[in-house]
Amino acid sequence: MARALVVLLVAGEGLMPKITADGLAVYGYDVLTATDGAAAVEQVRSLRRLDVLVIDAELGGSVDGLSAARLAREFNPKLDVIYTARVPHLIPERAKVRGAPCIRAPYHPYQIAAVISALKHRPARDELAEVA
């Protein structure tokens, strides 16, 4: 039996993060949460097993969402990142980590689950190079 993927959901406080975490758990993911970028970075540093970071790109604070994602990817280069944003087209591509999709907020947990599934089932970069 395959282990459940571990997802760190980083969003502000309120009902939406709770609904999303509960929804992702229903889809079979182990979900951890953080309400700010600094807490997210600390969790990424301390966790050995983390598969996906779902983070609000518009999150403010001492460590904003974009910075937290970059730091998380530095600590764990294999970490898949999914951004959420109310206005995703205003986030410059150069500010995002490579290969990270962005979902428009508000969103439904099934949208996050679908993107996680797509990320985990895409061919590895090495496999793509062999085909080309």
C-alpha atoms as a PDB file:
ATOM      1  CA  MET A   1       0.000   0.000   0.000  1.00  0.00           C
ATOM      2  CA  ALA A   2       1.369   3.389  -0.992  1.00  0.00           C
ATOM      3  CA  ARG A   3       1.880   5.998   1.675  1.00  0.00           C
ATOM      4  CA  ALA A   4      -0.310   9.090   1.698  1.00  0.00           C
ATOM      5  CA  LEU A   5       1.289  12.216   0.284  1.00  0.00           C
ATOM      6  CA  VAL A   6       2.012  14.907   2.858  1.00  0.00           C
ATOM      7  CA  VAL A   7       0.721  18.350   1.926  1.00  0.00           C
ATOM      8  CA  LEU A   8       1.608  21.565   3.742  1.00  0.00           C
ATOM      9  CA  LEU A   9      -1.200  24.079   3.220  1.00  0.00           C
ATOM     10  CA  VAL A  10      -0.175  27.666   3.898  1.00  0.00           C
ATOM     11  CA  ALA A  11      -3.003  30.172   3.974  1.00  0.00           C
ATOM     12  CA  GLY A  12      -4.190  32.889   6.302  1.00  0.00           C
ATOM     13  CA  GLU A  13      -6.636  32.258   9.080  1.00  0.00           C
ATOM     14  CA  GLY A  14     -10.318  31.701   8.527  1.00  0.00           C
ATOM     15  CA  LEU A  15     -12.711  29.129   7.244  1.00  0.00           C
ATOM     16  CA  MET A  16     -11.218  28.513   3.780  1.00  0.00           C
ATOM     17  CA  PRO A  17      -7.955  26.890   4.996  1.00  0.00           C
ATOM     18  CA  LYS A  18      -9.947  24.614   7.320  1.00  0.00           C
ATOM     19  CA  ILE A  19     -12.329  23.590   4.516  1.00  0.00           C
ATOM     20  CA  THR A  20      -9.398  22.975   2.175  1.00  0.00           C
ATOM     21  CA  ALA A  21      -7.452  20.921   4.736  1.00  0.00           C
ATOM     22  CA  ASP A  22     -10.508  18.802   5.537  1.00  0.00           C
ATOM     23  CA  GLY A  23     -11.264  18.350   1.840  1.00  0.00           C
ATOM     24  CA  LEU A  24      -7.711  17.257   1.015  1.00  0.00           C
ATOM     25  CA  ALA A  25      -7.840  14.791   3.909  1.00  0.00           C
ATOM     26  CA  VAL A  26     -10.992  13.294   2.377  1.00  0.00           C
ATOM     27  CA  TYR A  27      -9.009  12.778  -0.841  1.00  0.00           C
ATOM     28  CA  GLY A  28      -6.442  10.786   1.150  1.00  0.00           C
ATOM     29  CA  TYR A  29      -3.706  13.333   1.762  1.00  0.00           C
ATOM     30  CA  ASP A  30      -1.988  13.919   5.106  1.00  0.00           C
ATOM     31  CA  VAL A  31      -2.446  17.659   5.569  1.00  0.00           C
ATOM     32  CA  LEU A  32      -0.412  20.013   7.735  1.00  0.00           C
ATOM     33  CA  THR A  33      -1.186  23.711   7.969  1.00  0.00           C
ATOM     34  CA  ALA A  34       0.596  26.988   8.592  1.00  0.00           C
ATOM     35  CA  THR A  35      -0.861  30.481   8.683  1.00  0.00           C
ATOM     36  CA  ASP A  36       2.235  32.392   7.573  1.00  0.00           C
ATOM     37  CA  GLY A  37       5.382  32.013   5.528  1.00  0.00           C
ATOM     38  CA  ALA A  38       7.776  31.914   8.467  1.00  0.00           C
ATOM     39  CA  ALA A  39       5.897  29.000  10.074  1.00  0.00           C
ATOM     40  CA  ALA A  40       5.802  27.217   6.720  1.00  0.00           C
ATOM     41  CA  VAL A  41       9.553  27.540   6.219  1.00  0.00           C
ATOM     42  CA  GLU A  42      10.159  26.218   9.732  1.00  0.00           C
ATOM     43  CA  GLN A  43       7.963  23.179   9.036  1.00  0.00           C
ATOM     44  CA  VAL A  44       9.730  22.491   5.743  1.00  0.00           C
ATOM     45  CA  ARG A  45      13.085  22.630   7.546  1.00  0.00           C
ATOM     46  CA  SER A  46      12.009  20.233  10.273  1.00  0.00           C
ATOM     47  CA  LEU A  47       9.960  17.716   8.275  1.00  0.00           C
ATOM     48  CA  ARG A  48      11.687  14.847   6.580  1.00  0.00           C
ATOM     49  CA  ARG A  49       8.618  13.794   4.645  1.00  0.00           C
ATOM     50  CA  LEU A  50       6.859  16.564   2.783  1.00  0.00           C
ATOM     51  CA  ASP A  51       5.620  16.128  -0.765  1.00  0.00           C
ATOM     52  CA  VAL A  52       3.617  19.222  -1.706  1.00  0.00           C
ATOM     53  CA  LEU A  53       3.507  22.843  -0.583  1.00  0.00           C
ATOM     54  CA  VAL A  54       0.261  24.693  -1.321  1.00  0.00           C
ATOM     55  CA  ILE A  55       0.843  28.350  -0.561  1.00  0.00           C
ATOM     56  CA  ASP A  56      -0.978  31.636  -0.965  1.00  0.00           C
ATOM     57  CA  ALA A  57       1.297  33.647  -3.274  1.00  0.00           C
ATOM     58  CA  GLU A  58      -0.266  36.871  -1.969  1.00  0.00           C
ATOM     59  CA  LEU A  59       0.435  35.990   1.670  1.00  0.00           C
ATOM     60  CA  GLY A  60       2.054  38.867   3.503  1.00  0.00           C
ATOM     61  CA  GLY A  61       4.171  38.867   6.631  1.00  0.00           C
ATOM     62  CA  SER A  62       7.865  38.808   7.449  1.00  0.00           C
ATOM     63  CA  VAL A  63       8.259  35.917   4.969  1.00  0.00           C
ATOM     64  CA  ASP A  64       5.750  36.369   2.144  1.00  0.00           C
ATOM     65  CA  GLY A  65       4.272  33.497   0.157  1.00  0.00           C
ATOM     66  CA  LEU A  66       6.642  33.781  -2.793  1.00  0.00           C
ATOM     67  CA  SER A  67       9.719  33.951  -0.546  1.00  0.00           C
ATOM     68  CA  ALA A  68       8.511  31.034   1.559  1.00  0.00           C
ATOM     69  CA  ALA A  69       8.096  28.890  -1.553  1.00  0.00           C
ATOM     70  CA  ARG A  70      11.608  29.742  -2.763  1.00  0.00           C
ATOM     71  CA  LEU A  71      13.101  28.915   0.640  1.00  0.00           C
ATOM     72  CA  ALA A  72      11.101  25.697   0.852  1.00  0.00           C
ATOM     73  CA  ARG A  73      12.368  24.605  -2.565  1.00  0.00           C
ATOM     74  CA  GLU A  74      15.953  25.364  -1.462  1.00  0.00           C
ATOM     75  CA  PHE A  75      15.525  23.074   1.550  1.00  0.00           C
ATOM     76  CA  ASN A  76      13.754  20.395  -0.482  1.00  0.00           C
ATOM     77  CA  PRO A  77      14.461  20.589  -4.239  1.00  0.00           C
ATOM     78  CA  LYS A  78      11.984  17.776  -4.988  1.00  0.00           C
ATOM     79  CA  LEU A  79       9.119  19.569  -3.248  1.00  0.00           C
ATOM     80  CA  ASP A  80       6.172  20.270  -5.538  1.00  0.00           C
ATOM     81  CA  VAL A  81       4.771  23.772  -5.083  1.00  0.00           C
ATOM     82  CA  ILE A  82       1.266  24.970  -5.911  1.00  0.00           C
ATOM     83  CA  TYR A  83       0.446  28.646  -5.584  1.00  0.00           C
ATOM     84  CA  THR A  84      -2.976  30.072  -4.929  1.00  0.00           C
ATOM     85  CA  ALA A  85      -3.850  33.696  -5.627  1.00  0.00           C
ATOM     86  CA  ARG A  86      -6.857  35.916  -6.136  1.00  0.00           C
ATOM     87  CA  VAL A  87      -5.154  37.508  -9.143  1.00  0.00           C
ATOM     88  CA  PRO A  88      -2.693  34.907 -10.467  1.00  0.00           C
ATOM     89  CA  HIS A  89      -1.910  36.726 -13.712  1.00  0.00           C
ATOM     90  CA  LEU A  90      -0.315  39.570 -11.720  1.00  0.00           C
ATOM     91  CA  ILE A  91       2.348  37.287 -10.221  1.00  0.00           C
ATOM     92  CA  PRO A  92       5.490  37.489 -12.359  1.00  0.00           C
ATOM     93  CA  GLU A  93       6.752  34.095 -13.546  1.00  0.00           C
ATOM     94  CA  ARG A  94      10.285  34.989 -12.419  1.00  0.00           C
ATOM     95  CA  ALA A  95       8.992  35.343  -8.838  1.00  0.00           C
ATOM     96  CA  LYS A  96       7.683  31.765  -8.773  1.00  0.00           C
ATOM     97  CA  VAL A  97       9.642  28.570  -8.311  1.00  0.00           C
ATOM     98  CA  ARG A  98      10.119  26.519 -11.465  1.00  0.00           C
ATOM     99  CA  GLY A  99       7.267  24.248 -12.493  1.00  0.00           C
ATOM    100  CA  ALA A 100       4.786  25.582  -9.944  1.00  0.00           C
ATOM    101  CA  PRO A 101       1.215  26.070 -11.152  1.00  0.00           C
ATOM    102  CA  CYS A 102      -1.084  28.729  -9.731  1.00  0.00           C
ATOM    103  CA  ILE A 103      -4.758  28.217  -8.913  1.00  0.00           C
ATOM    104  CA  ARG A 104      -7.146  31.148  -8.737  1.00  0.00           C
ATOM    105  CA  ALA A 105      -8.694  31.725  -5.311  1.00  0.00           C
ATOM    106  CA  PRO A 106     -11.283  31.057  -4.145  1.00  0.00           C
ATOM    107  CA  TYR A 107     -10.878  27.408  -5.014  1.00  0.00           C
ATOM    108  CA  HIS A 108     -12.383  24.073  -4.060  1.00  0.00           C
ATOM    109  CA  PRO A 109     -10.314  21.291  -2.472  1.00  0.00           C
ATOM    110  CA  TYR A 110     -10.923  19.045  -5.491  1.00  0.00           C
ATOM    111  CA  GLN A 111      -9.046  21.584  -7.652  1.00  0.00           C
ATOM    112  CA  ILE A 112      -5.996  21.332  -5.405  1.00  0.00           C
ATOM    113  CA  ALA A 113      -6.298  17.525  -5.364  1.00  0.00           C
ATOM    114  CA  ALA A 114      -6.458  17.447  -9.172  1.00  0.00           C
ATOM    115  CA  VAL A 115      -3.346  19.599  -9.523  1.00  0.00           C
ATOM    116  CA  ILE A 116      -1.458  17.464  -6.987  1.00  0.00           C
ATOM    117  CA  SER A 117      -2.404  14.362  -8.952  1.00  0.00           C
ATOM    118  CA  ALA A 118      -1.249  15.948 -12.208  1.00  0.00           C
ATOM    119  CA  LEU A 119       2.075  17.004 -10.671  1.00  0.00           C
ATOM    120  CA  LYS A 120       2.733  13.572  -9.206  1.00  0.00           C
ATOM    121  CA  HIS A 121       1.921  11.767 -12.441  1.00  0.00           C
ATOM    122  CA  ARG A 122       3.887  13.963 -14.827  1.00  0.00           C
ATOM    123  CA  PRO A 123       7.051  12.494 -16.340  1.00  0.00           C
ATOM    124  CA  ALA A 124      10.298  13.397 -14.600  1.00  0.00           C
ATOM    125  CA  ARG A 125      12.557  15.884 -16.374  1.00  0.00           C
ATOM    126  CA  ASP A 126      15.066  13.079 -17.009  1.00  0.00           C
ATOM    127  CA  GLU A 127      12.395  10.984 -18.729  1.00  0.00           C
ATOM    128  CA  LEU A 128      11.439  13.941 -20.952  1.00  0.00           C
ATOM    129  CA  ALA A 129      15.065  14.411 -21.988  1.00  0.00           C
ATOM    130  CA  GLU A 130      15.313  10.733 -23.001  1.00  0.00           C
ATOM    131  CA  VAL A 131      12.242  11.045 -25.245  1.00  0.00           C
ATOM    132  CA  ALA A 132      13.542  14.170 -26.998  1.00  0.00           C
END
